């Protein structure tokens, strides 16, 4: 748990692996919110370039100011700047957006998919299962048709089984 890129031990382990000569045989995979890509005076890409491969799953649930509310401690402008900086290093870093769909971001999730499409970034959408009060099956009856319309707008971007599952959660709204 936690954010690896703000953990000083993480940076120390990377440097140790590089200094030992082992890094070139190691593939890394991260779940990160991209609040930072620097630690002290070190840029993470400089370290990652010494590893066999790096895959980044970026936890970004919106690409506008609503991200700051959805994920506490976020600064969407800084996160997008970090993401765009990393896009210049795609030969070193494999990037995938990993939003979590909830009642908080269903209204803006299409923007995430459009941003990803514009920048040729794959998206692996997850559906929030808890806490219950943020899950998709709590959408009030009066907002149900609007939420379903939002899901219809992202249908082209997600697998059909996931699309059906999301629609069922909203339509059944059993935890309302």
C-alpha atoms as a PDB file:
ATOM      1  CA  UNK A   1       0.000   0.000   0.000  1.00  0.00           C
ATOM      2  CA  UNK A   2       0.933   3.624  -0.182  1.00  0.00           C
ATOM      3  CA  UNK A   3       2.536   5.731  -2.862  1.00  0.00           C
ATOM      4  CA  UNK A   4       5.916   4.244  -3.867  1.00  0.00           C
ATOM      5  CA  UNK A   5       7.335   7.391  -5.447  1.00  0.00           C
ATOM      6  CA  UNK A   6       7.215   9.350  -2.174  1.00  0.00           C
ATOM      7  CA  UNK A   7       8.809   6.549  -0.141  1.00  0.00           C
ATOM      8  CA  UNK A   8      12.512   7.240   0.513  1.00  0.00           C
ATOM      9  CA  UNK A   9      13.182   3.501   0.959  1.00  0.00           C
ATOM     10  CA  UNK A  10      11.902   2.869  -2.573  1.00  0.00           C
ATOM     11  CA  UNK A  11      14.460   5.266  -4.042  1.00  0.00           C
ATOM     12  CA  UNK A  12      17.234   3.701  -1.914  1.00  0.00           C
ATOM     13  CA  UNK A  13      16.326   0.195  -3.139  1.00  0.00           C
ATOM     14  CA  UNK A  14      16.406   1.335  -6.775  1.00  0.00           C
ATOM     15  CA  UNK A  15      19.837   2.890  -6.300  1.00  0.00           C
ATOM     16  CA  UNK A  16      21.106  -0.254  -4.553  1.00  0.00           C
ATOM     17  CA  UNK A  17      19.869  -2.437  -7.420  1.00  0.00           C
ATOM     18  CA  UNK A  18      21.586  -0.147  -9.928  1.00  0.00           C
ATOM     19  CA  UNK A  19      24.843  -0.052  -7.946  1.00  0.00           C
ATOM     20  CA  UNK A  20      24.853  -3.844  -7.602  1.00  0.00           C
ATOM     21  CA  UNK A  21      24.488  -4.307 -11.369  1.00  0.00           C
ATOM     22  CA  UNK A  22      21.242  -6.251 -10.977  1.00  0.00           C
ATOM     23  CA  UNK A  23      18.876  -3.592 -12.300  1.00  0.00           C
ATOM     24  CA  UNK A  24      19.362  -4.471 -15.977  1.00  0.00           C
ATOM     25  CA  UNK A  25      17.721  -7.858 -15.306  1.00  0.00           C
ATOM     26  CA  UNK A  26      14.759  -6.508 -13.321  1.00  0.00           C
ATOM     27  CA  UNK A  27      11.360  -5.409 -14.585  1.00  0.00           C
ATOM     28  CA  UNK A  28       9.432  -2.964 -12.420  1.00  0.00           C
ATOM     29  CA  UNK A  29       5.694  -2.382 -12.186  1.00  0.00           C
ATOM     30  CA  UNK A  30       4.060   0.426 -10.247  1.00  0.00           C
ATOM     31  CA  UNK A  31       0.668   1.617  -9.162  1.00  0.00           C
ATOM     32  CA  UNK A  32       1.179   5.330  -8.688  1.00  0.00           C
ATOM     33  CA  UNK A  33      -0.817   8.523  -8.469  1.00  0.00           C
ATOM     34  CA  UNK A  34       2.106  10.441 -10.032  1.00  0.00           C
ATOM     35  CA  UNK A  35       2.076  13.196  -7.437  1.00  0.00           C
ATOM     36  CA  UNK A  36       5.854  13.237  -7.854  1.00  0.00           C
ATOM     37  CA  UNK A  37       8.492  11.882 -10.211  1.00  0.00           C
ATOM     38  CA  UNK A  38      11.459  13.396  -8.353  1.00  0.00           C
ATOM     39  CA  UNK A  39      13.058  12.660  -5.007  1.00  0.00           C
ATOM     40  CA  UNK A  40      15.496  15.246  -3.714  1.00  0.00           C
ATOM     41  CA  UNK A  41      17.564  15.953  -6.848  1.00  0.00           C
ATOM     42  CA  UNK A  42      16.906  12.651  -8.624  1.00  0.00           C
ATOM     43  CA  UNK A  43      14.483  12.213 -11.536  1.00  0.00           C
ATOM     44  CA  UNK A  44      12.831   8.778 -11.510  1.00  0.00           C
ATOM     45  CA  UNK A  45      13.343   8.332 -15.271  1.00  0.00           C
ATOM     46  CA  UNK A  46      17.111   8.506 -14.777  1.00  0.00           C
ATOM     47  CA  UNK A  47      16.862   5.506 -12.442  1.00  0.00           C
ATOM     48  CA  UNK A  48      14.249   3.619 -14.469  1.00  0.00           C
ATOM     49  CA  UNK A  49      16.395   3.818 -17.597  1.00  0.00           C
ATOM     50  CA  UNK A  50      18.794   1.405 -15.913  1.00  0.00           C
ATOM     51  CA  UNK A  51      16.156  -1.334 -15.513  1.00  0.00           C
ATOM     52  CA  UNK A  52      15.042  -3.983 -17.983  1.00  0.00           C
ATOM     53  CA  UNK A  53      11.528  -2.530 -18.197  1.00  0.00           C
ATOM     54  CA  UNK A  54       9.130  -0.311 -16.280  1.00  0.00           C
ATOM     55  CA  UNK A  55       5.334  -0.455 -16.373  1.00  0.00           C
ATOM     56  CA  UNK A  56       3.314   2.287 -14.778  1.00  0.00           C
ATOM     57  CA  UNK A  57      -0.338   1.973 -13.805  1.00  0.00           C
ATOM     58  CA  UNK A  58      -1.391   5.563 -13.152  1.00  0.00           C
ATOM     59  CA  UNK A  59      -4.255   5.943 -10.681  1.00  0.00           C
ATOM     60  CA  UNK A  60      -5.989   8.931 -12.204  1.00  0.00           C
ATOM     61  CA  UNK A  61      -9.757   9.139 -11.816  1.00  0.00           C
ATOM     62  CA  UNK A  62     -10.261  12.499 -13.555  1.00  0.00           C
ATOM     63  CA  UNK A  63      -8.201  14.894 -15.628  1.00  0.00           C
ATOM     64  CA  UNK A  64      -9.622  18.124 -14.282  1.00  0.00           C
ATOM     65  CA  UNK A  65      -9.983  19.862 -10.921  1.00  0.00           C
ATOM     66  CA  UNK A  66     -12.417  17.186  -9.725  1.00  0.00           C
ATOM     67  CA  UNK A  67      -9.410  14.859  -9.263  1.00  0.00           C
ATOM     68  CA  UNK A  68      -8.342  17.046  -6.346  1.00  0.00           C
ATOM     69  CA  UNK A  69     -11.600  16.148  -4.578  1.00  0.00           C
ATOM     70  CA  UNK A  70     -11.854  12.523  -5.670  1.00  0.00           C
ATOM     71  CA  UNK A  71      -8.330  11.642  -4.509  1.00  0.00           C
ATOM     72  CA  UNK A  72      -7.305  13.540  -1.412  1.00  0.00           C
ATOM     73  CA  UNK A  73      -3.933  15.249  -1.713  1.00  0.00           C
ATOM     74  CA  UNK A  74      -4.013  15.343  -5.510  1.00  0.00           C
ATOM     75  CA  UNK A  75      -2.972  18.303  -7.620  1.00  0.00           C
ATOM     76  CA  UNK A  76      -4.331  17.513 -11.063  1.00  0.00           C
ATOM     77  CA  UNK A  77      -2.168  20.118 -12.827  1.00  0.00           C
ATOM     78  CA  UNK A  78       1.011  18.694 -11.316  1.00  0.00           C
ATOM     79  CA  UNK A  79      -0.068  15.106 -11.985  1.00  0.00           C
ATOM     80  CA  UNK A  80      -0.854  15.845 -15.635  1.00  0.00           C
ATOM     81  CA  UNK A  81       2.488  17.662 -15.997  1.00  0.00           C
ATOM     82  CA  UNK A  82       4.258  14.604 -14.542  1.00  0.00           C
ATOM     83  CA  UNK A  83       2.321  12.307 -16.866  1.00  0.00           C
ATOM     84  CA  UNK A  84       3.164  14.410 -19.905  1.00  0.00           C
ATOM     85  CA  UNK A  85       6.810  14.495 -18.852  1.00  0.00           C
ATOM     86  CA  UNK A  86       6.849  10.692 -18.669  1.00  0.00           C
ATOM     87  CA  UNK A  87       5.189  10.381 -22.085  1.00  0.00           C
ATOM     88  CA  UNK A  88       8.419  11.748 -23.547  1.00  0.00           C
ATOM     89  CA  UNK A  89      10.147   8.625 -22.202  1.00  0.00           C
ATOM     90  CA  UNK A  90       7.940   5.904 -23.619  1.00  0.00           C
ATOM     91  CA  UNK A  91      10.989   3.972 -24.747  1.00  0.00           C
ATOM     92  CA  UNK A  92      11.798   3.572 -21.032  1.00  0.00           C
ATOM     93  CA  UNK A  93       8.357   3.608 -19.425  1.00  0.00           C
ATOM     94  CA  UNK A  94       5.197   1.736 -20.441  1.00  0.00           C
ATOM     95  CA  UNK A  95       2.260   3.859 -19.241  1.00  0.00           C
ATOM     96  CA  UNK A  96      -1.325   2.772 -18.621  1.00  0.00           C
ATOM     97  CA  UNK A  97      -4.060   4.807 -16.968  1.00  0.00           C
ATOM     98  CA  UNK A  98      -5.817   2.929 -14.168  1.00  0.00           C
ATOM     99  CA  UNK A  99      -8.903   4.873 -13.109  1.00  0.00           C
ATOM    100  CA  UNK A 100     -11.329   3.522 -10.535  1.00  0.00           C
ATOM    101  CA  UNK A 101     -14.935   4.168 -11.523  1.00  0.00           C
ATOM    102  CA  UNK A 102     -17.131   5.378  -8.668  1.00  0.00           C
ATOM    103  CA  UNK A 103     -20.098   7.604  -8.013  1.00  0.00           C
ATOM    104  CA  UNK A 104     -17.597  10.485  -7.713  1.00  0.00           C
ATOM    105  CA  UNK A 105     -16.128  10.312 -11.214  1.00  0.00           C
ATOM    106  CA  UNK A 106     -18.742   8.608 -13.375  1.00  0.00           C
ATOM    107  CA  UNK A 107     -19.842  12.087 -14.468  1.00  0.00           C
ATOM    108  CA  UNK A 108     -16.382  12.882 -15.914  1.00  0.00           C
ATOM    109  CA  UNK A 109     -14.877   9.498 -16.765  1.00  0.00           C
ATOM    110  CA  UNK A 110     -15.308   9.968 -20.513  1.00  0.00           C
ATOM    111  CA  UNK A 111     -12.727  12.777 -20.342  1.00  0.00           C
ATOM    112  CA  UNK A 112     -10.152  10.315 -19.013  1.00  0.00           C
ATOM    113  CA  UNK A 113     -10.764   7.974 -21.954  1.00  0.00           C
ATOM    114  CA  UNK A 114     -10.608  10.822 -24.474  1.00  0.00           C
ATOM    115  CA  UNK A 115      -7.353  12.089 -22.962  1.00  0.00           C
ATOM    116  CA  UNK A 116      -5.906   8.586 -23.108  1.00  0.00           C
ATOM    117  CA  UNK A 117      -7.013   8.146 -26.711  1.00  0.00           C
ATOM    118  CA  UNK A 118      -5.482  11.496 -27.727  1.00  0.00           C
ATOM    119  CA  UNK A 119      -2.173  10.451 -26.168  1.00  0.00           C
ATOM    120  CA  UNK A 120      -2.279   6.779 -27.230  1.00  0.00           C
ATOM    121  CA  UNK A 121      -2.312   5.529 -23.638  1.00  0.00           C
ATOM    122  CA  UNK A 122      -4.173   2.315 -22.797  1.00  0.00           C
ATOM    123  CA  UNK A 123      -6.746   2.399 -19.992  1.00  0.00           C
ATOM    124  CA  UNK A 124      -7.484  -0.367 -17.530  1.00  0.00           C
ATOM    125  CA  UNK A 125     -10.701   0.656 -15.800  1.00  0.00           C
ATOM    126  CA  UNK A 126     -11.549  -0.809 -12.394  1.00  0.00           C
ATOM    127  CA  UNK A 127     -14.926  -0.554 -10.722  1.00  0.00           C
ATOM    128  CA  UNK A 128     -14.993   0.546  -7.095  1.00  0.00           C
ATOM    129  CA  UNK A 129     -16.458  -2.054  -4.757  1.00  0.00           C
ATOM    130  CA  UNK A 130     -16.101  -0.183  -1.493  1.00  0.00           C
ATOM    131  CA  UNK A 131     -16.755   1.773   0.512  1.00  0.00           C
ATOM    132  CA  UNK A 132     -20.398   1.172  -0.305  1.00  0.00           C
ATOM    133  CA  UNK A 133     -21.365   4.842  -0.195  1.00  0.00           C
ATOM    134  CA  UNK A 134     -19.072   5.580  -3.189  1.00  0.00           C
ATOM    135  CA  UNK A 135     -19.936   2.499  -5.241  1.00  0.00           C
ATOM    136  CA  UNK A 136     -22.042   2.614  -8.398  1.00  0.00           C
ATOM    137  CA  UNK A 137     -24.977   0.797  -6.849  1.00  0.00           C
ATOM    138  CA  UNK A 138     -25.843   3.826  -4.697  1.00  0.00           C
ATOM    139  CA  UNK A 139     -26.787   6.138  -7.571  1.00  0.00           C
ATOM    140  CA  UNK A 140     -30.121   7.708  -6.560  1.00  0.00           C
ATOM    141  CA  UNK A 141     -33.128   6.959  -8.756  1.00  0.00           C
ATOM    142  CA  UNK A 142     -33.300  10.564  -9.943  1.00  0.00           C
ATOM    143  CA  UNK A 143     -29.704  10.383 -11.282  1.00  0.00           C
ATOM    144  CA  UNK A 144     -29.874   6.853 -12.630  1.00  0.00           C
ATOM    145  CA  UNK A 145     -30.658   7.761 -16.250  1.00  0.00           C
ATOM    146  CA  UNK A 146     -27.855  10.356 -16.283  1.00  0.00           C
ATOM    147  CA  UNK A 147     -25.368   7.834 -14.890  1.00  0.00           C
ATOM    148  CA  UNK A 148     -26.436   5.207 -17.429  1.00  0.00           C
ATOM    149  CA  UNK A 149     -25.979   7.768 -20.211  1.00  0.00           C
ATOM    150  CA  UNK A 150     -22.420   8.364 -18.995  1.00  0.00           C
ATOM    151  CA  UNK A 151     -21.728   4.635 -19.115  1.00  0.00           C
ATOM    152  CA  UNK A 152     -23.102   4.498 -22.654  1.00  0.00           C
ATOM    153  CA  UNK A 153     -20.595   7.217 -23.601  1.00  0.00           C
ATOM    154  CA  UNK A 154     -17.644   5.029 -22.533  1.00  0.00           C
ATOM    155  CA  UNK A 155     -18.970   1.771 -23.956  1.00  0.00           C
ATOM    156  CA  UNK A 156     -16.599   1.964 -26.908  1.00  0.00           C
ATOM    157  CA  UNK A 157     -13.581   2.062 -24.565  1.00  0.00           C
ATOM    158  CA  UNK A 158     -14.311  -0.864 -22.250  1.00  0.00           C
ATOM    159  CA  UNK A 159     -14.926  -4.605 -22.630  1.00  0.00           C
ATOM    160  CA  UNK A 160     -18.573  -5.531 -23.178  1.00  0.00           C
ATOM    161  CA  UNK A 161     -18.749  -7.636 -20.003  1.00  0.00           C
ATOM    162  CA  UNK A 162     -17.500  -4.692 -17.945  1.00  0.00           C
ATOM    163  CA  UNK A 163     -19.972  -2.361 -19.647  1.00  0.00           C
ATOM    164  CA  UNK A 164     -22.839  -4.741 -18.797  1.00  0.00           C
ATOM    165  CA  UNK A 165     -21.633  -5.105 -15.199  1.00  0.00           C
ATOM    166  CA  UNK A 166     -21.449  -1.329 -14.675  1.00  0.00           C
ATOM    167  CA  UNK A 167     -24.912  -0.790 -16.144  1.00  0.00           C
ATOM    168  CA  UNK A 168     -26.340  -3.515 -13.883  1.00  0.00           C
ATOM    169  CA  UNK A 169     -24.802  -1.952 -10.779  1.00  0.00           C
ATOM    170  CA  UNK A 170     -26.349   1.409 -11.575  1.00  0.00           C
ATOM    171  CA  UNK A 171     -29.713   0.033 -12.710  1.00  0.00           C
ATOM    172  CA  UNK A 172     -30.097  -2.137  -9.622  1.00  0.00           C
ATOM    173  CA  UNK A 173     -28.890   0.561  -7.206  1.00  0.00           C
ATOM    174  CA  UNK A 174     -29.474  -1.909  -4.381  1.00  0.00           C
ATOM    175  CA  UNK A 175     -27.326  -0.105  -1.798  1.00  0.00           C
ATOM    176  CA  UNK A 176     -29.133   3.196  -2.240  1.00  0.00           C
END
